[in-house]
Protein backbone atom coordinates (compact mmCIF):
# COMPACT_ATOMS: atom_id res chain seq x y z
CA MET A 1 -58.58 -3.29 -82.66
CA VAL A 2 -55.53 -5.54 -83.33
CA ASP A 3 -54.82 -6.34 -86.94
CA THR A 4 -54.50 -10.17 -86.60
CA ALA A 5 -53.29 -10.63 -90.14
CA SER A 6 -50.45 -8.14 -89.56
CA ALA A 7 -49.63 -9.51 -86.12
CA GLU A 8 -49.22 -13.03 -87.55
CA ALA A 9 -47.53 -12.06 -90.78
CA PRO A 10 -44.64 -14.41 -91.58
CA LEU A 11 -41.12 -13.14 -91.22
CA GLY A 12 -39.36 -11.93 -94.34
CA PRO A 13 -36.37 -13.85 -95.74
CA ARG A 14 -33.79 -11.74 -93.88
CA ALA A 15 -35.53 -11.82 -90.56
CA ARG A 16 -36.12 -15.62 -90.92
CA ALA A 17 -32.43 -16.09 -91.75
CA ARG A 18 -31.43 -14.17 -88.70
CA VAL A 19 -33.67 -16.29 -86.40
CA GLU A 20 -32.38 -19.49 -87.91
CA THR A 21 -28.74 -18.37 -87.47
CA LEU A 22 -29.34 -17.40 -83.84
CA ASP A 23 -30.94 -20.77 -83.20
CA ARG A 24 -27.87 -22.57 -84.64
CA ILE A 25 -25.53 -20.29 -82.55
CA ARG A 26 -27.56 -21.32 -79.42
CA THR A 27 -27.47 -24.99 -80.23
CA ILE A 28 -23.72 -24.99 -80.78
CA ALA A 29 -23.14 -22.84 -77.70
CA LEU A 30 -25.24 -25.17 -75.57
CA ARG A 31 -23.16 -28.10 -76.72
CA GLN A 32 -19.97 -26.20 -75.97
CA LEU A 33 -21.42 -25.50 -72.48
CA GLY A 34 -21.70 -29.15 -71.83
CA GLU A 35 -18.20 -29.95 -73.29
CA VAL A 36 -16.02 -27.14 -72.03
CA GLY A 37 -18.14 -25.18 -69.60
CA ALA A 38 -19.21 -21.57 -69.72
CA ALA A 39 -15.70 -20.22 -69.32
CA GLY A 40 -14.66 -22.07 -72.48
CA LEU A 41 -17.40 -20.70 -74.82
CA SER A 42 -15.79 -19.52 -77.99
CA LEU A 43 -17.37 -17.49 -80.72
CA ARG A 44 -14.51 -18.35 -83.03
CA ALA A 45 -15.24 -22.06 -82.57
CA ILE A 46 -18.95 -21.44 -83.22
CA ALA A 47 -17.99 -19.62 -86.42
CA ARG A 48 -15.83 -22.48 -87.56
CA GLU A 49 -18.67 -24.90 -86.98
CA LEU A 50 -21.15 -22.62 -88.88
CA GLY A 51 -18.61 -22.43 -91.66
CA VAL A 52 -18.43 -18.67 -91.59
CA VAL A 53 -15.80 -16.04 -90.69
CA SER A 54 -15.75 -14.81 -87.08
CA SER A 55 -17.01 -11.40 -88.06
CA ALA A 56 -20.30 -12.95 -89.33
CA VAL A 57 -21.03 -14.37 -85.83
CA TYR A 58 -20.05 -11.18 -84.14
CA ARG A 59 -22.97 -9.49 -85.99
CA TYR A 60 -25.30 -11.65 -83.92
CA CYS A 61 -23.29 -11.84 -80.70
CA PRO A 62 -20.76 -9.01 -80.46
CA SER A 63 -18.87 -10.74 -77.59
CA ARG A 64 -18.62 -13.85 -75.50
CA ASP A 65 -20.38 -11.90 -72.73
CA ALA A 66 -23.28 -11.15 -75.10
CA LEU A 67 -23.52 -14.87 -75.88
CA LEU A 68 -23.45 -15.74 -72.18
CA THR A 69 -26.20 -13.23 -71.55
CA MET A 70 -28.43 -14.70 -74.35
CA LEU A 71 -27.90 -18.20 -72.97
CA ILE A 72 -28.60 -17.08 -69.36
CA ILE A 73 -31.73 -15.20 -70.30
CA ASP A 74 -32.93 -18.22 -72.31
CA ALA A 75 -32.36 -20.61 -69.48
CA TYR A 76 -33.99 -18.45 -66.82
CA THR A 77 -36.96 -17.85 -69.10
CA ASP A 78 -37.30 -21.52 -70.02
CA LEU A 79 -37.21 -22.56 -66.31
CA GLY A 80 -39.53 -19.73 -65.28
CA THR A 81 -42.05 -20.45 -68.02
CA SER A 82 -42.03 -24.21 -67.25
CA VAL A 83 -42.80 -23.40 -63.55
CA GLU A 84 -45.47 -20.80 -64.43
CA THR A 85 -47.20 -23.21 -66.81
CA ALA A 86 -47.16 -26.17 -64.36
CA GLU A 87 -48.36 -24.01 -61.45
CA ALA A 88 -51.15 -22.39 -63.56
CA GLU A 89 -52.60 -25.91 -64.43
CA VAL A 90 -53.36 -26.54 -60.74
CA PRO A 91 -56.71 -25.30 -59.39
CA ARG A 92 -56.20 -21.97 -57.57
CA ASP A 93 -57.72 -23.35 -54.31
CA ASP A 94 -55.32 -26.30 -54.19
CA LEU A 95 -52.55 -24.45 -52.44
CA ARG A 96 -50.42 -27.44 -51.52
CA GLY A 97 -50.82 -28.71 -55.05
CA ARG A 98 -49.60 -25.46 -56.48
CA LEU A 99 -46.56 -25.53 -54.10
CA ARG A 100 -45.82 -29.14 -55.12
CA SER A 101 -45.91 -28.31 -58.82
CA VAL A 102 -43.35 -25.56 -58.33
CA VAL A 103 -40.94 -27.71 -56.39
CA LEU A 104 -41.19 -30.73 -58.68
CA THR A 105 -41.06 -28.67 -61.88
CA VAL A 106 -37.89 -26.86 -60.79
CA ARG A 107 -36.21 -30.19 -60.00
CA ALA A 108 -37.38 -31.91 -63.24
CA TRP A 109 -36.14 -28.97 -65.33
CA ALA A 110 -32.77 -29.04 -63.62
CA LEU A 111 -32.34 -32.71 -64.05
CA ALA A 112 -33.23 -32.42 -67.73
CA ASN A 113 -30.98 -29.47 -68.25
CA PRO A 114 -28.01 -29.77 -65.92
CA GLN A 115 -25.59 -27.57 -68.01
CA ARG A 116 -28.10 -24.80 -68.35
CA TYR A 117 -28.98 -24.98 -64.66
CA SER A 118 -25.29 -24.79 -63.66
CA LEU A 119 -24.91 -21.78 -66.03
CA ILE A 120 -27.59 -19.80 -64.01
CA TYR A 121 -27.13 -21.27 -60.51
CA GLY A 122 -23.64 -22.68 -60.55
CA THR A 123 -20.23 -21.13 -60.13
CA PRO A 124 -20.01 -17.60 -61.61
CA VAL A 125 -18.17 -17.28 -64.89
CA PRO A 126 -14.91 -15.51 -64.32
CA GLY A 127 -14.84 -11.99 -65.69
CA TYR A 128 -18.56 -11.96 -66.49
CA ALA A 129 -20.97 -9.50 -64.98
CA ALA A 130 -24.68 -10.23 -65.70
CA PRO A 131 -26.45 -7.10 -67.11
CA PRO A 132 -29.69 -5.75 -65.72
CA ASP A 133 -31.84 -7.44 -68.38
CA THR A 134 -31.13 -10.82 -66.71
CA ILE A 135 -32.91 -9.70 -63.49
CA ALA A 136 -36.54 -10.05 -64.67
CA PRO A 137 -36.25 -13.59 -66.05
CA ALA A 138 -34.16 -14.62 -63.00
CA SER A 139 -37.01 -13.54 -60.70
CA MET A 140 -39.69 -15.60 -62.39
CA VAL A 141 -39.62 -18.62 -60.11
CA GLY A 142 -39.30 -16.51 -57.00
CA LEU A 143 -42.29 -14.50 -58.02
CA VAL A 144 -44.47 -17.64 -58.54
CA LEU A 145 -43.59 -18.62 -54.94
CA THR A 146 -44.29 -15.26 -53.49
CA ARG A 147 -47.57 -14.87 -55.41
CA LEU A 148 -48.53 -18.29 -54.04
CA LEU A 149 -47.76 -17.16 -50.58
CA VAL A 150 -49.91 -14.01 -51.00
CA ASP A 151 -52.79 -16.32 -52.03
CA VAL A 152 -52.16 -18.56 -48.97
CA ILE A 153 -52.35 -15.51 -46.64
CA ALA A 154 -55.53 -14.30 -48.45
CA ALA A 155 -57.07 -17.70 -47.87
CA GLY A 156 -56.59 -17.25 -44.07
CA TYR A 157 -53.40 -19.28 -43.71
CA GLY A 158 -49.86 -18.13 -43.96
CA PRO A 159 -47.00 -17.51 -41.54
CA PRO A 160 -47.47 -14.98 -38.69
CA ALA A 161 -46.61 -11.37 -39.19
CA THR A 162 -43.49 -11.93 -37.05
CA ALA A 163 -42.13 -14.63 -39.42
CA GLY A 164 -39.01 -12.70 -40.26
CA SER A 165 -36.83 -10.06 -38.69
CA ALA A 166 -37.52 -6.38 -39.27
CA ALA A 167 -34.24 -6.18 -41.34
CA ALA A 168 -35.37 -9.04 -43.57
CA ALA A 169 -38.88 -7.53 -43.93
CA HIS A 170 -37.25 -4.22 -44.96
CA ALA A 171 -35.43 -6.16 -47.71
CA MET A 172 -38.72 -7.53 -48.96
CA GLU A 173 -40.50 -4.21 -49.22
CA GLY A 174 -39.84 -3.75 -52.96
CA VAL A 175 -41.16 -7.29 -53.78
CA ALA A 176 -44.16 -6.86 -51.53
CA ALA A 177 -45.01 -3.51 -53.18
CA ALA A 178 -44.61 -5.04 -56.65
CA LEU A 179 -47.08 -7.76 -55.71
CA GLY A 180 -49.57 -5.18 -54.53
CA ALA A 181 -49.23 -6.36 -50.84
CA PRO A 182 -46.88 -3.97 -49.08
CA GLU A 183 -48.36 -4.87 -45.71
CA LEU A 184 -47.10 -8.47 -46.17
CA ALA A 185 -43.34 -7.72 -46.43
CA GLU A 186 -42.47 -9.53 -43.23
CA GLN A 187 -44.48 -12.66 -44.03
CA LEU A 188 -43.11 -12.75 -47.58
CA VAL A 189 -39.62 -13.43 -46.11
CA VAL A 190 -40.83 -17.10 -45.86
CA GLY A 191 -41.17 -17.05 -49.67
CA VAL A 192 -37.56 -16.08 -50.11
CA ASP A 193 -36.48 -18.73 -47.55
CA MET A 194 -38.39 -21.46 -49.52
CA TRP A 195 -36.81 -20.18 -52.78
CA LEU A 196 -33.32 -20.34 -51.37
CA HIS A 197 -33.92 -23.75 -49.72
CA LEU A 198 -35.43 -25.25 -52.93
CA PHE A 199 -32.50 -24.16 -55.23
CA GLY A 200 -30.04 -25.13 -52.60
CA ALA A 201 -31.45 -28.72 -52.48
CA VAL A 202 -31.42 -28.94 -56.32
CA SER A 203 -27.93 -27.59 -56.62
CA PHE A 204 -26.76 -30.12 -53.99
CA GLU A 205 -28.50 -32.94 -55.91
CA LEU A 206 -26.86 -31.94 -59.24
CA GLY A 207 -23.54 -31.40 -57.67
CA GLY A 208 -23.54 -34.93 -56.13
CA GLN A 209 -23.78 -33.87 -52.50
CA PHE A 210 -26.78 -36.17 -51.95
CA VAL A 211 -24.56 -39.17 -52.28
CA ASN A 212 -24.40 -41.16 -49.09
CA VAL A 213 -26.73 -38.60 -47.47
CA VAL A 214 -30.08 -38.70 -49.23
CA SER A 215 -30.80 -42.19 -50.48
CA ASP A 216 -34.27 -41.37 -51.99
CA ALA A 217 -34.26 -38.05 -53.72
CA PRO A 218 -37.94 -38.07 -54.74
CA ALA A 219 -38.94 -38.79 -51.12
CA TYR A 220 -36.74 -35.96 -49.90
CA TYR A 221 -38.51 -33.43 -52.24
CA GLU A 222 -41.83 -34.69 -50.92
CA PHE A 223 -40.49 -34.01 -47.38
CA LEU A 224 -39.38 -30.55 -48.52
CA ILE A 225 -42.93 -29.82 -49.87
CA ASP A 226 -44.31 -30.80 -46.43
CA GLU A 227 -41.76 -28.48 -44.78
CA PHE A 228 -42.65 -25.52 -47.05
CA ALA A 229 -46.42 -26.16 -46.44
CA THR A 230 -45.77 -26.19 -42.67
CA GLN A 231 -43.87 -22.82 -43.00
CA MET A 232 -46.84 -21.39 -44.87
CA ARG A 233 -49.32 -23.09 -42.53
CA VAL A 234 -51.09 -24.73 -45.49
CA PRO A 235 -53.30 -27.65 -44.38
């Protein structure tokens, strides 16, 4: 039995101060991100704005890479949680509606958070190598799409078993096994294709590549939803 009182006990002064300081570091770092880009993030500048010595900030973020990792995980998690929440609010048997919620939520989040989106899907930061703990949050949106595809197939729709090449299917074996559907590896290639196509479109829109090409972005995303539904053979 869970001790609810203990689980919801308030943080002590030291723990609360740490959380508040980390929140302030995040806020300043996100503003820096918009002003100078990821490559220009500076712990010393953050320390100056906080009114503390650099060593005090290093207790929370030991390096610029650690700060980048924190911001990257935050961004992936925020985006992934937004998509999961929106998709979960749609009735399970409304397969097209679930697909639509994923596409439109990704776009809406990116438009509302362009600097954070660019941090995780834009040009890699020179000299930075993302650690393994970024992988799970980075996979959240892709997993929503592939779980949706599993449900589509279970409902009697879905792409044919020959949807992808044998090599692509082999690459999907790990994801298929994690979803408890190893026999669907070849069909789940379609989920990866949709994931890449969606983020490619959003990245083009944020980067200005829609100018003089796509005159009505919302209409284009509705077209994209129809294309994905056709790929999945959702009525």
